[in-house]
N, C-alpha and C. Protein backbone atom coordinates (compact mmCIF):
# COMPACT_ATOMS: atom_id res chain seq x y z
N PHE A 1 -120.49 -108.46 66.64
CA PHE A 1 -119.48 -107.81 65.91
C PHE A 1 -119.80 -105.98 66.18
N MET A 2 -120.56 -105.30 66.15
CA MET A 2 -120.55 -104.27 66.15
C MET A 2 -119.82 -103.40 67.71
N ASN A 3 -119.46 -104.34 69.07
CA ASN A 3 -118.71 -104.22 69.61
C ASN A 3 -116.88 -104.07 68.63
N ILE A 4 -116.39 -104.80 68.18
CA ILE A 4 -115.32 -105.01 67.11
C ILE A 4 -115.50 -103.77 66.43
N LEU A 5 -116.24 -103.53 65.36
CA LEU A 5 -116.54 -102.17 64.90
C LEU A 5 -116.55 -100.89 65.60
N SER A 6 -116.95 -100.98 66.84
CA SER A 6 -116.82 -99.32 67.60
C SER A 6 -115.73 -99.29 67.99
N ASN A 7 -115.20 -100.25 68.90
CA ASN A 7 -113.66 -100.23 68.99
C ASN A 7 -112.55 -99.67 68.16
N ALA A 8 -112.73 -100.53 66.60
CA ALA A 8 -111.81 -100.02 65.88
C ALA A 8 -112.06 -98.31 65.21
N ILE A 9 -113.64 -98.08 65.08
CA ILE A 9 -113.71 -96.82 64.84
C ILE A 9 -112.97 -95.81 66.20
N ASP A 10 -113.03 -95.85 67.59
CA ASP A 10 -112.78 -95.23 68.12
C ASP A 10 -111.20 -95.01 68.16
N ALA A 11 -110.75 -96.12 67.78
CA ALA A 11 -109.16 -96.24 67.97
C ALA A 11 -108.68 -95.37 66.40
N LEU A 12 -109.60 -95.54 65.83
CA LEU A 12 -109.16 -94.94 64.37
C LEU A 12 -109.46 -93.39 64.50
N GLU A 13 -110.39 -93.07 65.26
CA GLU A 13 -110.68 -91.43 65.43
C GLU A 13 -109.41 -91.16 66.32
N LYS A 14 -109.49 -91.31 67.20
CA LYS A 14 -108.05 -90.60 68.05
C LYS A 14 -106.76 -91.06 67.21
N LYS A 15 -106.38 -91.87 66.34
CA LYS A 15 -105.23 -91.88 65.63
C LYS A 15 -105.25 -90.70 64.66
N MET A 16 -106.52 -90.27 64.31
CA MET A 16 -106.75 -89.12 63.31
C MET A 16 -106.42 -87.70 64.02
N ALA A 17 -106.80 -87.80 65.17
CA ALA A 17 -107.09 -86.63 65.85
C ALA A 17 -105.20 -86.47 66.22
N ILE A 18 -104.25 -87.09 66.06
CA ILE A 18 -102.83 -87.01 66.25
C ILE A 18 -102.00 -86.86 65.15
N GLU A 19 -102.60 -87.80 63.90
CA GLU A 19 -101.91 -87.90 62.71
C GLU A 19 -102.55 -87.01 61.49
N SER A 20 -102.52 -85.96 61.21
CA SER A 20 -103.44 -85.09 60.34
C SER A 20 -103.93 -85.48 59.27
N PHE A 21 -102.73 -86.49 58.82
CA PHE A 21 -102.70 -87.19 56.89
C PHE A 21 -102.95 -88.43 57.23
N PHE A 22 -103.51 -89.21 58.29
CA PHE A 22 -103.98 -90.22 58.75
C PHE A 22 -105.34 -90.75 57.36
N THR A 23 -105.14 -91.47 57.06
CA THR A 23 -106.49 -92.17 56.24
C THR A 23 -106.71 -93.62 56.52
N PRO A 24 -107.77 -93.25 57.87
CA PRO A 24 -108.32 -94.64 58.42
C PRO A 24 -109.44 -95.34 57.47
N TRP A 25 -109.43 -96.83 57.57
CA TRP A 25 -110.02 -97.86 56.82
C TRP A 25 -110.29 -98.81 57.62
N ILE A 26 -111.64 -99.61 57.37
CA ILE A 26 -111.48 -100.45 57.90
C ILE A 26 -112.22 -101.57 56.95
N ARG A 27 -111.78 -103.00 57.06
CA ARG A 27 -112.33 -103.70 55.99
C ARG A 27 -112.67 -105.13 56.39
N ILE A 28 -113.98 -105.31 56.21
CA ILE A 28 -114.76 -106.65 56.62
C ILE A 28 -114.82 -107.52 55.40
N ARG A 29 -114.29 -108.78 55.48
CA ARG A 29 -114.64 -110.00 54.34
C ARG A 29 -115.28 -111.21 55.15
N THR A 30 -115.57 -111.71 54.12
CA THR A 30 -116.31 -113.02 54.43
C THR A 30 -116.09 -114.13 53.60
N GLN A 31 -115.70 -115.47 54.15
CA GLN A 31 -115.60 -116.52 53.16
C GLN A 31 -115.85 -117.83 53.63
N VAL A 32 -116.60 -118.34 52.53
CA VAL A 32 -116.91 -119.61 52.74
C VAL A 32 -116.40 -120.84 52.94
N ASN A 33 -115.78 -121.45 53.70
CA ASN A 33 -114.98 -122.46 53.83
C ASN A 33 -116.03 -124.06 53.80
N GLU A 34 -116.58 -124.37 52.61
CA GLU A 34 -117.12 -125.60 52.21
C GLU A 34 -116.86 -126.54 53.17
N CYS A 35 -115.49 -127.01 53.23
CA CYS A 35 -115.04 -127.96 53.72
C CYS A 35 -115.37 -128.30 55.19
N GLN A 36 -115.47 -127.10 55.91
CA GLN A 36 -115.76 -127.19 57.30
C GLN A 36 -117.03 -127.04 58.03
N ASN A 37 -117.83 -126.62 56.46
CA ASN A 37 -119.34 -125.86 56.56
C ASN A 37 -119.18 -124.90 57.26
N ALA A 38 -118.52 -124.00 57.14
CA ALA A 38 -118.46 -122.79 57.97
C ALA A 38 -118.36 -121.22 56.74
N VAL A 39 -118.47 -120.45 57.92
CA VAL A 39 -118.58 -118.75 57.12
C VAL A 39 -117.43 -118.24 58.15
N VAL A 40 -116.27 -117.57 57.10
CA VAL A 40 -114.81 -116.78 57.80
C VAL A 40 -115.32 -115.65 57.91
N ILE A 41 -115.33 -114.67 58.81
CA ILE A 41 -115.19 -113.36 58.64
C ILE A 41 -114.23 -112.72 59.34
N SER A 42 -113.53 -111.77 58.69
CA SER A 42 -112.39 -111.28 58.96
C SER A 42 -112.68 -109.29 59.22
N ILE A 43 -111.79 -109.12 60.16
CA ILE A 43 -112.20 -107.88 60.17
C ILE A 43 -111.03 -107.35 60.41
N THR A 44 -110.29 -106.28 59.46
CA THR A 44 -109.29 -105.40 59.89
C THR A 44 -109.26 -104.12 59.53
N ASP A 45 -108.13 -103.42 60.03
CA ASP A 45 -108.27 -101.58 59.80
C ASP A 45 -106.76 -101.46 60.02
N ASN A 46 -106.48 -100.10 60.03
CA ASN A 46 -105.35 -99.76 60.04
C ASN A 46 -105.02 -98.96 61.09
N GLY A 47 -105.56 -98.99 62.43
CA GLY A 47 -105.29 -98.65 63.53
C GLY A 47 -104.12 -99.42 64.24
N PRO A 48 -103.88 -98.70 65.68
CA PRO A 48 -102.63 -98.94 66.57
C PRO A 48 -102.77 -100.46 66.73
N GLY A 49 -103.77 -101.06 66.98
CA GLY A 49 -103.98 -102.63 67.26
C GLY A 49 -104.60 -102.86 68.53
N VAL A 50 -104.49 -103.85 68.97
CA VAL A 50 -105.13 -104.47 70.32
C VAL A 50 -104.20 -104.45 71.09
N PRO A 51 -103.56 -103.81 72.35
CA PRO A 51 -102.35 -104.60 73.09
C PRO A 51 -102.38 -105.46 73.58
N PRO A 52 -101.35 -106.70 73.38
CA PRO A 52 -101.36 -108.13 73.91
C PRO A 52 -102.32 -108.78 75.30
N HIS A 53 -102.22 -107.67 76.11
CA HIS A 53 -102.95 -108.07 77.41
C HIS A 53 -104.59 -108.16 77.17
N MET A 54 -104.84 -107.19 76.31
CA MET A 54 -106.36 -107.44 75.77
C MET A 54 -106.88 -108.26 75.00
N LYS A 55 -106.11 -108.95 74.43
CA LYS A 55 -106.44 -109.89 73.03
C LYS A 55 -107.25 -110.76 73.57
N GLN A 56 -107.00 -111.60 74.61
CA GLN A 56 -107.87 -112.52 75.16
C GLN A 56 -109.26 -112.16 75.47
N ARG A 57 -109.85 -110.91 75.83
CA ARG A 57 -110.79 -110.42 76.39
C ARG A 57 -111.65 -110.00 75.33
N LEU A 58 -111.14 -109.53 73.91
CA LEU A 58 -112.03 -109.33 72.84
C LEU A 58 -112.96 -109.70 72.35
N PHE A 59 -113.58 -110.83 72.97
CA PHE A 59 -115.22 -111.40 72.33
C PHE A 59 -115.67 -111.69 73.48
N ASP A 60 -115.26 -111.10 74.61
CA ASP A 60 -116.36 -110.75 76.00
C ASP A 60 -117.59 -109.88 75.59
N PRO A 61 -118.45 -110.27 76.06
CA PRO A 61 -119.54 -109.22 76.02
C PRO A 61 -119.00 -107.72 76.58
N PHE A 62 -119.55 -106.80 75.77
CA PHE A 62 -119.47 -105.39 76.73
C PHE A 62 -117.90 -104.95 76.66
N PHE A 63 -117.00 -105.65 76.33
CA PHE A 63 -115.65 -105.46 76.59
C PHE A 63 -115.32 -104.12 75.68
N THR A 64 -114.37 -103.32 76.01
CA THR A 64 -114.08 -102.18 75.11
C THR A 64 -112.48 -102.08 75.48
N THR A 65 -111.78 -101.40 74.51
CA THR A 65 -110.58 -100.81 74.46
C THR A 65 -110.42 -99.85 74.93
């Protein structure tokens, strides 16, 4: 998860440098899905997003946007 958060922070910092009134945020949510015996972790932010051609690699080790 550190790579995802690091990428989010980098993107938010770049957006802050361009937009002076931009207020960045990152939200991390956890949810228990007892029916599937699983935990769901969601990470969202208000950055520019990930380009479509990079989405397939988001969980590759050491991949950065």
